[in-house]
Amino acid sequence: KQWYQRRVAITAGSVSVGVSRKVFSHVISRVKSLPSNLCLEYCTTLTEALKLRLMSFEDQITELNQHMADLYEAKKDYSKAASNLSAIPLENSQKNYSKAFTTQMYLKIAHLYLEGRDS
């Protein structure tokens, strides 16, 4: 319950965006060290919470989606891995990703979808 109340306060805008980003970046770094299944659960919860303010937390959402994709790929759940990478707003973003990064992501997404189809 405490975690939920803090998450609501941080994502609802009652805490400044700068502070919220730092808090979520710290939480994400801690969550990444959890066992895979627990990490996926927390990453999913965090992503859902942050989606409410996508423009403010784009970097954190991207980091979570990339990490979840890595975890799903390790579990050989290629379609979920591809789906997480596809959720990253590569084109319609306030952030200008490099062409190399964007191309790398699209190639990885395609590769994961093909892997999922073949398994």
PDB file of N, CA and C in Angstrom:
ATOM      1  N   LYS A   1       0.824  -1.191   0.000  1.00  0.00           N
ATOM      2  CA  LYS A   1       0.000   0.000   0.000  1.00  0.00           C
ATOM      3  C   LYS A   1       0.867   1.254   0.000  1.00  0.00           C
ATOM      4  N   GLN A   2       1.941   1.254   0.757  1.00  0.00           N
ATOM      5  CA  GLN A   2       2.834   2.398   0.799  1.00  0.00           C
ATOM      6  C   GLN A   2       3.416   2.684  -0.582  1.00  0.00           C
ATOM      7  N   TRP A   3       3.862   1.628  -1.258  1.00  0.00           N
ATOM      8  CA  TRP A   3       4.428   1.773  -2.594  1.00  0.00           C
ATOM      9  C   TRP A   3       3.409   2.409  -3.531  1.00  0.00           C
ATOM     10  N   TYR A   4       2.163   1.957  -3.467  1.00  0.00           N
ATOM     11  CA  TYR A   4       1.112   2.475  -4.339  1.00  0.00           C
ATOM     12  C   TYR A   4       0.873   3.960  -4.063  1.00  0.00           C
ATOM     13  N   GLN A   5       0.822   4.358  -2.796  1.00  0.00           N
ATOM     14  CA  GLN A   5       0.592   5.757  -2.451  1.00  0.00           C
ATOM     15  C   GLN A   5       1.726   6.639  -2.953  1.00  0.00           C
ATOM     16  N   ARG A   6       2.947   6.178  -2.821  1.00  0.00           N
ATOM     17  CA  ARG A   6       4.098   6.948  -3.320  1.00  0.00           C
ATOM     18  C   ARG A   6       4.059   7.046  -4.840  1.00  0.00           C
ATOM     19  N   ARG A   7       3.737   5.943  -5.494  1.00  0.00           N
ATOM     20  CA  ARG A   7       3.672   5.931  -6.958  1.00  0.00           C
ATOM     21  C   ARG A   7       2.613   6.901  -7.445  1.00  0.00           C
ATOM     22  N   VAL A   8       1.460   6.917  -6.794  1.00  0.00           N
ATOM     23  CA  VAL A   8       0.382   7.826  -7.179  1.00  0.00           C
ATOM     24  C   VAL A   8       0.832   9.272  -6.998  1.00  0.00           C
ATOM     25  N   ALA A   9       1.475   9.566  -5.884  1.00  0.00           N
ATOM     26  CA  ALA A   9       1.938  10.935  -5.629  1.00  0.00           C
ATOM     27  C   ALA A   9       2.964  11.376  -6.674  1.00  0.00           C
ATOM     28  N   ILE A  10       3.864  10.496  -7.025  1.00  0.00           N
ATOM     29  CA  ILE A  10       4.919  10.843  -7.972  1.00  0.00           C
ATOM     30  C   ILE A  10       4.359  10.999  -9.380  1.00  0.00           C
ATOM     31  N   THR A  11       3.468  10.122  -9.796  1.00  0.00           N
ATOM     32  CA  THR A  11       2.955  10.187 -11.167  1.00  0.00           C
ATOM     33  C   THR A  11       1.799  11.157 -11.320  1.00  0.00           C
ATOM     34  N   ALA A  12       1.149  11.534 -10.242  1.00  0.00           N
ATOM     35  CA  ALA A  12      -0.005  12.433 -10.332  1.00  0.00           C
ATOM     36  C   ALA A  12       0.407  13.885 -10.495  1.00  0.00           C
ATOM     37  N   GLY A  13       1.668  14.182 -10.336  1.00  0.00           N
ATOM     38  CA  GLY A  13       2.118  15.539 -10.536  1.00  0.00           C
ATOM     39  C   GLY A  13       2.273  16.325  -9.250  1.00  0.00           C
ATOM     40  N   SER A  14       2.057  15.701  -8.111  1.00  0.00           N
ATOM     41  CA  SER A  14       2.216  16.423  -6.850  1.00  0.00           C
ATOM     42  C   SER A  14       3.685  16.516  -6.438  1.00  0.00           C
ATOM     43  N   VAL A  15       4.548  15.861  -7.174  1.00  0.00           N
ATOM     44  CA  VAL A  15       5.993  15.955  -6.986  1.00  0.00           C
ATOM     45  C   VAL A  15       6.562  16.475  -8.308  1.00  0.00           C
ATOM     46  N   SER A  16       7.556  17.349  -8.245  1.00  0.00           N
ATOM     47  CA  SER A  16       8.093  17.936  -9.476  1.00  0.00           C
ATOM     48  C   SER A  16       8.634  16.852 -10.415  1.00  0.00           C
ATOM     49  N   VAL A  17       8.591  17.152 -11.697  1.00  0.00           N
ATOM     50  CA  VAL A  17       9.037  16.192 -12.708  1.00  0.00           C
ATOM     51  C   VAL A  17      10.509  15.847 -12.520  1.00  0.00           C
ATOM     52  N   GLY A  18      11.327  16.836 -12.215  1.00  0.00           N
ATOM     53  CA  GLY A  18      12.760  16.587 -12.012  1.00  0.00           C
ATOM     54  C   GLY A  18      13.014  15.601 -10.891  1.00  0.00           C
ATOM     55  N   VAL A  19      12.326  15.785  -9.780  1.00  0.00           N
ATOM     56  CA  VAL A  19      12.469  14.872  -8.639  1.00  0.00           C
ATOM     57  C   VAL A  19      11.905  13.502  -9.002  1.00  0.00           C
ATOM     58  N   SER A  20      10.738  13.492  -9.649  1.00  0.00           N
ATOM     59  CA  SER A  20      10.108  12.229 -10.036  1.00  0.00           C
ATOM     60  C   SER A  20      11.018  11.408 -10.944  1.00  0.00           C
ATOM     61  N   ARG A  21      11.644  12.055 -11.906  1.00  0.00           N
ATOM     62  CA  ARG A  21      12.555  11.329 -12.812  1.00  0.00           C
ATOM     63  C   ARG A  21      13.698  10.699 -12.040  1.00  0.00           C
ATOM     64  N   LYS A  22      14.281  11.455 -11.115  1.00  0.00           N
ATOM     65  CA  LYS A  22      15.396  10.925 -10.321  1.00  0.00           C
ATOM     66  C   LYS A  22      14.944   9.742  -9.470  1.00  0.00           C
ATOM     67  N   VAL A  23      13.775   9.878  -8.857  1.00  0.00           N
ATOM     68  CA  VAL A  23      13.260   8.788  -8.022  1.00  0.00           C
ATOM     69  C   VAL A  23      13.029   7.547  -8.871  1.00  0.00           C
ATOM     70  N   PHE A  24      12.347   7.700 -10.016  1.00  0.00           N
ATOM     71  CA  PHE A  24      12.064   6.538 -10.862  1.00  0.00           C
ATOM     72  C   PHE A  24      13.341   5.946 -11.447  1.00  0.00           C
ATOM     73  N   SER A  25      14.305   6.768 -11.805  1.00  0.00           N
ATOM     74  CA  SER A  25      15.577   6.234 -12.312  1.00  0.00           C
ATOM     75  C   SER A  25      16.260   5.392 -11.246  1.00  0.00           C
ATOM     76  N   HIS A  26      16.217   5.861 -10.002  1.00  0.00           N
ATOM     77  CA  HIS A  26      16.806   5.092  -8.899  1.00  0.00           C
ATOM     78  C   HIS A  26      16.040   3.785  -8.680  1.00  0.00           C
ATOM     79  N   VAL A  27      14.717   3.864  -8.671  1.00  0.00           N
ATOM     80  CA  VAL A  27      13.890   2.661  -8.485  1.00  0.00           C
ATOM     81  C   VAL A  27      14.169   1.664  -9.605  1.00  0.00           C
ATOM     82  N   ILE A  28      14.241   2.145 -10.836  1.00  0.00           N
ATOM     83  CA  ILE A  28      14.500   1.259 -11.983  1.00  0.00           C
ATOM     84  C   ILE A  28      15.842   0.560 -11.825  1.00  0.00           C
ATOM     85  N   SER A  29      16.859   1.300 -11.403  1.00  0.00           N
ATOM     86  CA  SER A  29      18.176   0.672 -11.238  1.00  0.00           C
ATOM     87  C   SER A  29      18.130  -0.422 -10.167  1.00  0.00           C
ATOM     88  N   ARG A  30      17.323  -0.234  -9.131  1.00  0.00           N
ATOM     89  CA  ARG A  30      17.194  -1.247  -8.080  1.00  0.00           C
ATOM     90  C   ARG A  30      16.373  -2.450  -8.563  1.00  0.00           C
ATOM     91  N   VAL A  31      15.303  -2.173  -9.300  1.00  0.00           N
ATOM     92  CA  VAL A  31      14.420  -3.238  -9.792  1.00  0.00           C
ATOM     93  C   VAL A  31      15.170  -4.159 -10.748  1.00  0.00           C
ATOM     94  N   LYS A  32      16.085  -3.608 -11.536  1.00  0.00           N
ATOM     95  CA  LYS A  32      16.835  -4.405 -12.507  1.00  0.00           C
ATOM     96  C   LYS A  32      17.669  -5.510 -11.852  1.00  0.00           C
ATOM     97  N   SER A  33      17.964  -5.343 -10.570  1.00  0.00           N
ATOM     98  CA  SER A  33      18.785  -6.348  -9.892  1.00  0.00           C
ATOM     99  C   SER A  33      17.950  -7.477  -9.283  1.00  0.00           C
ATOM    100  N   LEU A  34      16.634  -7.395  -9.401  1.00  0.00           N
ATOM    101  CA  LEU A  34      15.753  -8.437  -8.858  1.00  0.00           C
ATOM    102  C   LEU A  34      15.756  -9.671  -9.757  1.00  0.00           C
ATOM    103  N   PRO A  35      15.334 -10.818  -9.224  1.00  0.00           N
ATOM    104  CA  PRO A  35      15.183 -12.015 -10.056  1.00  0.00           C
ATOM    105  C   PRO A  35      14.222 -11.723 -11.227  1.00  0.00           C
ATOM    106  N   SER A  36      14.433 -12.391 -12.322  1.00  0.00           N
ATOM    107  CA  SER A  36      13.741 -12.137 -13.581  1.00  0.00           C
ATOM    108  C   SER A  36      12.222 -11.990 -13.465  1.00  0.00           C
ATOM    109  N   ASN A  37      11.550 -12.963 -12.870  1.00  0.00           N
ATOM    110  CA  ASN A  37      10.082 -12.909 -12.793  1.00  0.00           C
ATOM    111  C   ASN A  37       9.585 -11.729 -11.971  1.00  0.00           C
ATOM    112  N   LEU A  38      10.234 -11.482 -10.854  1.00  0.00           N
ATOM    113  CA  LEU A  38       9.862 -10.355 -10.012  1.00  0.00           C
ATOM    114  C   LEU A  38      10.178  -9.035 -10.712  1.00  0.00           C
ATOM    115  N   CYS A  39      11.310  -8.999 -11.375  1.00  0.00           N
ATOM    116  CA  CYS A  39      11.700  -7.806 -12.126  1.00  0.00           C
ATOM    117  C   CYS A  39      10.667  -7.480 -13.203  1.00  0.00           C
ATOM    118  N   LEU A  40      10.225  -8.485 -13.947  1.00  0.00           N
ATOM    119  CA  LEU A  40       9.207  -8.264 -14.983  1.00  0.00           C
ATOM    120  C   LEU A  40       7.914  -7.712 -14.385  1.00  0.00           C
ATOM    121  N   GLU A  41       7.536  -8.240 -13.239  1.00  0.00           N
ATOM    122  CA  GLU A  41       6.315  -7.774 -12.573  1.00  0.00           C
ATOM    123  C   GLU A  41       6.431  -6.293 -12.197  1.00  0.00           C
ATOM    124  N   TYR A  42       7.546  -5.930 -11.566  1.00  0.00           N
ATOM    125  CA  TYR A  42       7.747  -4.537 -11.166  1.00  0.00           C
ATOM    126  C   TYR A  42       7.906  -3.621 -12.375  1.00  0.00           C
ATOM    127  N   CYS A  43       8.631  -4.066 -13.380  1.00  0.00           N
ATOM    128  CA  CYS A  43       8.804  -3.255 -14.589  1.00  0.00           C
ATOM    129  C   CYS A  43       7.466  -2.976 -15.259  1.00  0.00           C
ATOM    130  N   THR A  44       6.613  -3.980 -15.312  1.00  0.00           N
ATOM    131  CA  THR A  44       5.283  -3.809 -15.903  1.00  0.00           C
ATOM    132  C   THR A  44       4.477  -2.784 -15.109  1.00  0.00           C
ATOM    133  N   THR A  45       4.509  -2.893 -13.800  1.00  0.00           N
ATOM    134  CA  THR A  45       3.788  -1.951 -12.934  1.00  0.00           C
ATOM    135  C   THR A  45       4.319  -0.531 -13.112  1.00  0.00           C
ATOM    136  N   LEU A  46       5.640  -0.397 -13.131  1.00  0.00           N
ATOM    137  CA  LEU A  46       6.240   0.919 -13.314  1.00  0.00           C
ATOM    138  C   LEU A  46       5.888   1.509 -14.674  1.00  0.00           C
ATOM    139  N   THR A  47       5.950   0.690 -15.711  1.00  0.00           N
ATOM    140  CA  THR A  47       5.632   1.171 -17.058  1.00  0.00           C
ATOM    141  C   THR A  47       4.196   1.668 -17.129  1.00  0.00           C
ATOM    142  N   GLU A  48       3.281   0.918 -16.555  1.00  0.00           N
ATOM    143  CA  GLU A  48       1.876   1.337 -16.556  1.00  0.00           C
ATOM    144  C   GLU A  48       1.704   2.658 -15.811  1.00  0.00           C
ATOM    145  N   ALA A  49       2.394   2.807 -14.697  1.00  0.00           N
ATOM    146  CA  ALA A  49       2.291   4.046 -13.921  1.00  0.00           C
ATOM    147  C   ALA A  49       2.863   5.229 -14.697  1.00  0.00           C
ATOM    148  N   LEU A  50       3.973   5.012 -15.367  1.00  0.00           N
ATOM    149  CA  LEU A  50       4.639   6.104 -16.076  1.00  0.00           C
ATOM    150  C   LEU A  50       3.943   6.482 -17.381  1.00  0.00           C
ATOM    151  N   LYS A  51       3.210   5.565 -17.981  1.00  0.00           N
ATOM    152  CA  LYS A  51       2.514   5.855 -19.236  1.00  0.00           C
ATOM    153  C   LYS A  51       1.537   7.021 -19.098  1.00  0.00           C
ATOM    154  N   LEU A  52       1.056   7.239 -17.878  1.00  0.00           N
ATOM    155  CA  LEU A  52       0.131   8.342 -17.642  1.00  0.00           C
ATOM    156  C   LEU A  52       0.781   9.690 -17.946  1.00  0.00           C
ATOM    157  N   ARG A  53       2.097   9.730 -17.843  1.00  0.00           N
ATOM    158  CA  ARG A  53       2.842  10.962 -18.116  1.00  0.00           C
ATOM    159  C   ARG A  53       3.997  10.650 -19.058  1.00  0.00           C
ATOM    160  N   LEU A  54       3.659  10.053 -20.185  1.00  0.00           N
ATOM    161  CA  LEU A  54       4.649   9.582 -21.157  1.00  0.00           C
ATOM    162  C   LEU A  54       5.675  10.647 -21.515  1.00  0.00           C
ATOM    163  N   MET A  55       5.221  11.841 -21.803  1.00  0.00           N
ATOM    164  CA  MET A  55       6.145  12.888 -22.239  1.00  0.00           C
ATOM    165  C   MET A  55       7.167  13.232 -21.155  1.00  0.00           C
ATOM    166  N   SER A  56       6.775  13.131 -19.910  1.00  0.00           N
ATOM    167  CA  SER A  56       7.673  13.480 -18.808  1.00  0.00           C
ATOM    168  C   SER A  56       8.657  12.366 -18.468  1.00  0.00           C
ATOM    169  N   PHE A  57       8.276  11.124 -18.756  1.00  0.00           N
ATOM    170  CA  PHE A  57       9.088   9.976 -18.336  1.00  0.00           C
ATOM    171  C   PHE A  57       9.504   9.087 -19.512  1.00  0.00           C
ATOM    172  N   GLU A  58       9.697   9.687 -20.656  1.00  0.00           N
ATOM    173  CA  GLU A  58      10.028   8.907 -21.855  1.00  0.00           C
ATOM    174  C   GLU A  58      11.313   8.096 -21.689  1.00  0.00           C
ATOM    175  N   ASP A  59      12.342   8.697 -21.122  1.00  0.00           N
ATOM    176  CA  ASP A  59      13.609   7.968 -20.939  1.00  0.00           C
ATOM    177  C   ASP A  59      13.441   6.764 -20.018  1.00  0.00           C
ATOM    178  N   GLN A  60      12.681   6.944 -18.947  1.00  0.00           N
ATOM    179  CA  GLN A  60      12.475   5.853 -17.995  1.00  0.00           C
ATOM    180  C   GLN A  60      11.641   4.732 -18.621  1.00  0.00           C
ATOM    181  N   ILE A  61      10.618   5.099 -19.377  1.00  0.00           N
ATOM    182  CA  ILE A  61       9.789   4.088 -20.046  1.00  0.00           C
ATOM    183  C   ILE A  61      10.613   3.327 -21.079  1.00  0.00           C
ATOM    184  N   THR A  62      11.446   4.040 -21.819  1.00  0.00           N
ATOM    185  CA  THR A  62      12.316   3.393 -22.803  1.00  0.00           C
ATOM    186  C   THR A  62      13.261   2.412 -22.117  1.00  0.00           C
ATOM    187  N   GLU A  63      13.847   2.832 -21.007  1.00  0.00           N
ATOM    188  CA  GLU A  63      14.760   1.949 -20.271  1.00  0.00           C
ATOM    189  C   GLU A  63      14.035   0.699 -19.773  1.00  0.00           C
ATOM    190  N   LEU A  64      12.831   0.885 -19.242  1.00  0.00           N
ATOM    191  CA  LEU A  64      12.049  -0.262 -18.769  1.00  0.00           C
ATOM    192  C   LEU A  64      11.694  -1.199 -19.916  1.00  0.00           C
ATOM    193  N   ASN A  65      11.246  -0.662 -21.038  1.00  0.00           N
ATOM    194  CA  ASN A  65      10.875  -1.506 -22.174  1.00  0.00           C
ATOM    195  C   ASN A  65      12.075  -2.269 -22.718  1.00  0.00           C
ATOM    196  N   GLN A  66      13.228  -1.627 -22.783  1.00  0.00           N
ATOM    197  CA  GLN A  66      14.431  -2.323 -23.252  1.00  0.00           C
ATOM    198  C   GLN A  66      14.817  -3.443 -22.287  1.00  0.00           C
ATOM    199  N   HIS A  67      14.736  -3.164 -20.996  1.00  0.00           N
ATOM    200  CA  HIS A  67      15.106  -4.193 -20.020  1.00  0.00           C
ATOM    201  C   HIS A  67      14.123  -5.363 -20.054  1.00  0.00           C
ATOM    202  N   MET A  68      12.828  -5.057 -20.142  1.00  0.00           N
ATOM    203  CA  MET A  68      11.844  -6.142 -20.219  1.00  0.00           C
ATOM    204  C   MET A  68      12.048  -6.958 -21.491  1.00  0.00           C
ATOM    205  N   ALA A  69      12.386  -6.300 -22.583  1.00  0.00           N
ATOM    206  CA  ALA A  69      12.652  -7.022 -23.831  1.00  0.00           C
ATOM    207  C   ALA A  69      13.827  -7.985 -23.652  1.00  0.00           C
ATOM    208  N   ASP A  70      14.875  -7.524 -22.980  1.00  0.00           N
ATOM    209  CA  ASP A  70      16.028  -8.401 -22.720  1.00  0.00           C
ATOM    210  C   ASP A  70      15.630  -9.609 -21.874  1.00  0.00           C
ATOM    211  N   LEU A  71      14.796  -9.369 -20.856  1.00  0.00           N
ATOM    212  CA  LEU A  71      14.357 -10.474 -19.991  1.00  0.00           C
ATOM    213  C   LEU A  71      13.489 -11.469 -20.758  1.00  0.00           C
ATOM    214  N   TYR A  72      12.563 -10.964 -21.566  1.00  0.00           N
ATOM    215  CA  TYR A  72      11.716 -11.861 -22.364  1.00  0.00           C
ATOM    216  C   TYR A  72      12.543 -12.611 -23.403  1.00  0.00           C
ATOM    217  N   GLU A  73      13.509 -11.948 -23.995  1.00  0.00           N
ATOM    218  CA  GLU A  73      14.361 -12.624 -24.973  1.00  0.00           C
ATOM    219  C   GLU A  73      15.147 -13.751 -24.308  1.00  0.00           C
ATOM    220  N   ALA A  74      15.638 -13.520 -23.106  1.00  0.00           N
ATOM    221  CA  ALA A  74      16.368 -14.560 -22.365  1.00  0.00           C
ATOM    222  C   ALA A  74      15.470 -15.753 -22.062  1.00  0.00           C
ATOM    223  N   LYS A  75      14.160 -15.496 -21.889  1.00  0.00           N
ATOM    224  CA  LYS A  75      13.193 -16.567 -21.647  1.00  0.00           C
ATOM    225  C   LYS A  75      12.692 -17.187 -22.947  1.00  0.00           C
ATOM    226  N   LYS A  76      13.204 -16.695 -24.063  1.00  0.00           N
ATOM    227  CA  LYS A  76      12.810 -17.150 -25.401  1.00  0.00           C
ATOM    228  C   LYS A  76      11.346 -16.825 -25.720  1.00  0.00           C
ATOM    229  N   ASP A  77      10.829 -15.781 -25.095  1.00  0.00           N
ATOM    230  CA  ASP A  77       9.490 -15.273 -25.405  1.00  0.00           C
ATOM    231  C   ASP A  77       9.687 -14.077 -26.333  1.00  0.00           C
ATOM    232  N   TYR A  78       9.990 -14.414 -27.586  1.00  0.00           N
ATOM    233  CA  TYR A  78      10.412 -13.412 -28.557  1.00  0.00           C
ATOM    234  C   TYR A  78       9.314 -12.413 -28.925  1.00  0.00           C
ATOM    235  N   SER A  79       8.077 -12.847 -28.969  1.00  0.00           N
ATOM    236  CA  SER A  79       7.024 -11.909 -29.349  1.00  0.00           C
ATOM    237  C   SER A  79       6.803 -10.856 -28.258  1.00  0.00           C
ATOM    238  N   LYS A  80       6.905 -11.245 -26.984  1.00  0.00           N
ATOM    239  CA  LYS A  80       6.785 -10.258 -25.909  1.00  0.00           C
ATOM    240  C   LYS A  80       7.991  -9.314 -25.904  1.00  0.00           C
ATOM    241  N   ALA A  81       9.151  -9.853 -26.216  1.00  0.00           N
ATOM    242  CA  ALA A  81      10.344  -9.008 -26.302  1.00  0.00           C
ATOM    243  C   ALA A  81      10.163  -7.974 -27.410  1.00  0.00           C
ATOM    244  N   ALA A  82       9.704  -8.421 -28.566  1.00  0.00           N
ATOM    245  CA  ALA A  82       9.478  -7.505 -29.687  1.00  0.00           C
ATOM    246  C   ALA A  82       8.400  -6.486 -29.351  1.00  0.00           C
ATOM    247  N   SER A  83       7.366  -6.931 -28.690  1.00  0.00           N
ATOM    248  CA  SER A  83       6.270  -6.039 -28.305  1.00  0.00           C
ATOM    249  C   SER A  83       6.759  -4.928 -27.374  1.00  0.00           C
ATOM    250  N   ASN A  84       7.622  -5.267 -26.441  1.00  0.00           N
ATOM    251  CA  ASN A  84       8.168  -4.247 -25.537  1.00  0.00           C
ATOM    252  C   ASN A  84       9.022  -3.241 -26.282  1.00  0.00           C
ATOM    253  N   LEU A  85       9.836  -3.709 -27.219  1.00  0.00           N
ATOM    254  CA  LEU A  85      10.644  -2.771 -27.996  1.00  0.00           C
ATOM    255  C   LEU A  85       9.767  -1.926 -28.910  1.00  0.00           C
ATOM    256  N   SER A  86       8.696  -2.514 -29.425  1.00  0.00           N
ATOM    257  CA  SER A  86       7.778  -1.775 -30.299  1.00  0.00           C
ATOM    258  C   SER A  86       7.058  -0.657 -29.546  1.00  0.00           C
ATOM    259  N   ALA A  87       6.975  -0.775 -28.235  1.00  0.00           N
ATOM    260  CA  ALA A  87       6.297   0.240 -27.431  1.00  0.00           C
ATOM    261  C   ALA A  87       7.136   1.510 -27.254  1.00  0.00           C
ATOM    262  N   ILE A  88       8.401   1.442 -27.634  1.00  0.00           N
ATOM    263  CA  ILE A  88       9.262   2.628 -27.532  1.00  0.00           C
ATOM    264  C   ILE A  88       8.903   3.580 -28.674  1.00  0.00           C
ATOM    265  N   PRO A  89       8.558   4.814 -28.356  1.00  0.00           N
ATOM    266  CA  PRO A  89       8.170   5.768 -29.409  1.00  0.00           C
ATOM    267  C   PRO A  89       9.387   6.302 -30.168  1.00  0.00           C
ATOM    268  N   LEU A  90       9.827   5.551 -31.149  1.00  0.00           N
ATOM    269  CA  LEU A  90      11.046   5.914 -31.867  1.00  0.00           C
ATOM    270  C   LEU A  90      10.853   7.092 -32.821  1.00  0.00           C
ATOM    271  N   GLU A  91       9.677   7.218 -33.388  1.00  0.00           N
ATOM    272  CA  GLU A  91       9.435   8.258 -34.386  1.00  0.00           C
ATOM    273  C   GLU A  91       8.673   9.452 -33.817  1.00  0.00           C
ATOM    274  N   ASN A  92       7.653   9.208 -33.040  1.00  0.00           N
ATOM    275  CA  ASN A  92       6.776  10.273 -32.552  1.00  0.00           C
ATOM    276  C   ASN A  92       7.164  10.698 -31.153  1.00  0.00           C
ATOM    277  N   SER A  93       8.391  10.999 -30.981  1.00  0.00           N
ATOM    278  CA  SER A  93       8.941  11.242 -29.662  1.00  0.00           C
ATOM    279  C   SER A  93       9.433  12.678 -29.550  1.00  0.00           C
ATOM    280  N   GLN A  94       9.426  13.198 -28.337  1.00  0.00           N
ATOM    281  CA  GLN A  94      10.060  14.488 -28.099  1.00  0.00           C
ATOM    282  C   GLN A  94      11.570  14.331 -28.164  1.00  0.00           C
ATOM    283  N   LYS A  95      12.006  13.152 -27.859  1.00  0.00           N
ATOM    284  CA  LYS A  95      13.433  12.864 -27.880  1.00  0.00           C
ATOM    285  C   LYS A  95      13.841  12.518 -29.311  1.00  0.00           C
ATOM    286  N   ASN A  96      14.951  13.044 -29.721  1.00  0.00           N
ATOM    287  CA  ASN A  96      15.458  12.729 -31.058  1.00  0.00           C
ATOM    288  C   ASN A  96      16.488  11.612 -30.950  1.00  0.00           C
ATOM    289  N   TYR A  97      16.033  10.396 -31.225  1.00  0.00           N
ATOM    290  CA  TYR A  97      16.954   9.266 -31.212  1.00  0.00           C
ATOM    291  C   TYR A  97      17.811   9.327 -32.465  1.00  0.00           C
ATOM    292  N   SER A  98      19.042   8.859 -32.341  1.00  0.00           N
ATOM    293  CA  SER A  98      19.925   8.844 -33.506  1.00  0.00           C
ATOM    294  C   SER A  98      19.392   7.856 -34.535  1.00  0.00           C
ATOM    295  N   LYS A  99      19.755   8.076 -35.775  1.00  0.00           N
ATOM    296  CA  LYS A  99      19.339   7.156 -36.842  1.00  0.00           C
ATOM    297  C   LYS A  99      19.894   5.757 -36.573  1.00  0.00           C
ATOM    298  N   ALA A 100      21.098   5.693 -36.034  1.00  0.00           N
ATOM    299  CA  ALA A 100      21.712   4.396 -35.730  1.00  0.00           C
ATOM    300  C   ALA A 100      20.900   3.654 -34.674  1.00  0.00           C
ATOM    301  N   PHE A 101      20.499   4.354 -33.614  1.00  0.00           N
ATOM    302  CA  PHE A 101      19.706   3.727 -32.550  1.00  0.00           C
ATOM    303  C   PHE A 101      18.362   3.275 -33.096  1.00  0.00           C
ATOM    304  N   THR A 102      17.700   4.145 -33.848  1.00  0.00           N
ATOM    305  CA  THR A 102      16.384   3.823 -34.412  1.00  0.00           C
ATOM    306  C   THR A 102      16.478   2.616 -35.340  1.00  0.00           C
ATOM    307  N   THR A 103      17.483   2.616 -36.202  1.00  0.00           N
ATOM    308  CA  THR A 103      17.673   1.492 -37.124  1.00  0.00           C
ATOM    309  C   THR A 103      17.956   0.207 -36.356  1.00  0.00           C
ATOM    310  N   GLN A 104      18.810   0.298 -35.350  1.00  0.00           N
ATOM    311  CA  GLN A 104      19.139  -0.874 -34.530  1.00  0.00           C
ATOM    312  C   GLN A 104      17.885  -1.430 -33.860  1.00  0.00           C
ATOM    313  N   MET A 105      17.032  -0.557 -33.335  1.00  0.00           N
ATOM    314  CA  MET A 105      15.799  -1.003 -32.678  1.00  0.00           C
ATOM    315  C   MET A 105      14.858  -1.679 -33.672  1.00  0.00           C
ATOM    316  N   TYR A 106      14.674  -1.077 -34.850  1.00  0.00           N
ATOM    317  CA  TYR A 106      13.786  -1.675 -35.846  1.00  0.00           C
ATOM    318  C   TYR A 106      14.299  -3.046 -36.300  1.00  0.00           C
ATOM    319  N   LEU A 107      15.604  -3.165 -36.486  1.00  0.00           N
ATOM    320  CA  LEU A 107      16.173  -4.455 -36.874  1.00  0.00           C
ATOM    321  C   LEU A 107      15.994  -5.497 -35.772  1.00  0.00           C
ATOM    322  N   LYS A 108      16.190  -5.081 -34.534  1.00  0.00           N
ATOM    323  CA  LYS A 108      16.028  -6.019 -33.420  1.00  0.00           C
ATOM    324  C   LYS A 108      14.569  -6.453 -33.293  1.00  0.00           C
ATOM    325  N   ILE A 109      13.638  -5.508 -33.447  1.00  0.00           N
ATOM    326  CA  ILE A 109      12.212  -5.836 -33.373  1.00  0.00           C
ATOM    327  C   ILE A 109      11.857  -6.852 -34.449  1.00  0.00           C
ATOM    328  N   ALA A 110      12.309  -6.595 -35.672  1.00  0.00           N
ATOM    329  CA  ALA A 110      12.027  -7.514 -36.781  1.00  0.00           C
ATOM    330  C   ALA A 110      12.624  -8.891 -36.496  1.00  0.00           C
ATOM    331  N   HIS A 111      13.860  -8.905 -36.017  1.00  0.00           N
ATOM    332  CA  HIS A 111      14.531 -10.175 -35.704  1.00  0.00           C
ATOM    333  C   HIS A 111      13.747 -10.957 -34.636  1.00  0.00           C
ATOM    334  N   LEU A 112      13.291 -10.249 -33.600  1.00  0.00           N
ATOM    335  CA  LEU A 112      12.548 -10.916 -32.527  1.00  0.00           C
ATOM    336  C   LEU A 112      11.212 -11.462 -33.016  1.00  0.00           C
ATOM    337  N   TYR A 113      10.521 -10.683 -33.842  1.00  0.00           N
ATOM    338  CA  TYR A 113       9.253 -11.187 -34.390  1.00  0.00           C
ATOM    339  C   TYR A 113       9.493 -12.425 -35.251  1.00  0.00           C
ATOM    340  N   LEU A 114      10.563 -12.432 -36.045  1.00  0.00           N
ATOM    341  CA  LEU A 114      10.895 -13.611 -36.872  1.00  0.00           C
ATOM    342  C   LEU A 114      11.266 -14.804 -35.997  1.00  0.00           C
ATOM    343  N   GLU A 115      12.034 -14.565 -34.945  1.00  0.00           N
ATOM    344  CA  GLU A 115      12.386 -15.640 -34.007  1.00  0.00           C
ATOM    345  C   GLU A 115      11.133 -16.230 -33.376  1.00  0.00           C
ATOM    346  N   GLY A 116      10.211 -15.361 -32.996  1.00  0.00           N
ATOM    347  CA  GLY A 116       8.960 -15.813 -32.378  1.00  0.00           C
ATOM    348  C   GLY A 116       8.127 -16.634 -33.326  1.00  0.00           C
ATOM    349  N   ARG A 117       8.136 -16.262 -34.569  1.00  0.00           N
ATOM    350  CA  ARG A 117       7.374 -16.996 -35.579  1.00  0.00           C
ATOM    351  C   ARG A 117       7.986 -18.359 -35.834  1.00  0.00           C
ATOM    352  N   ASP A 118       9.309 -18.441 -35.779  1.00  0.00           N
ATOM    353  CA  ASP A 118       9.985 -19.710 -36.071  1.00  0.00           C
ATOM    354  C   ASP A 118       9.992 -20.676 -34.895  1.00  0.00           C
ATOM    355  N   SER A 119       9.698 -20.195 -33.695  1.00  0.00           N
ATOM    356  CA  SER A 119       9.758 -21.117 -32.548  1.00  0.00           C
ATOM    357  C   SER A 119       8.423 -21.712 -32.216  1.00  0.00           C
TER     358      SER A 119
END
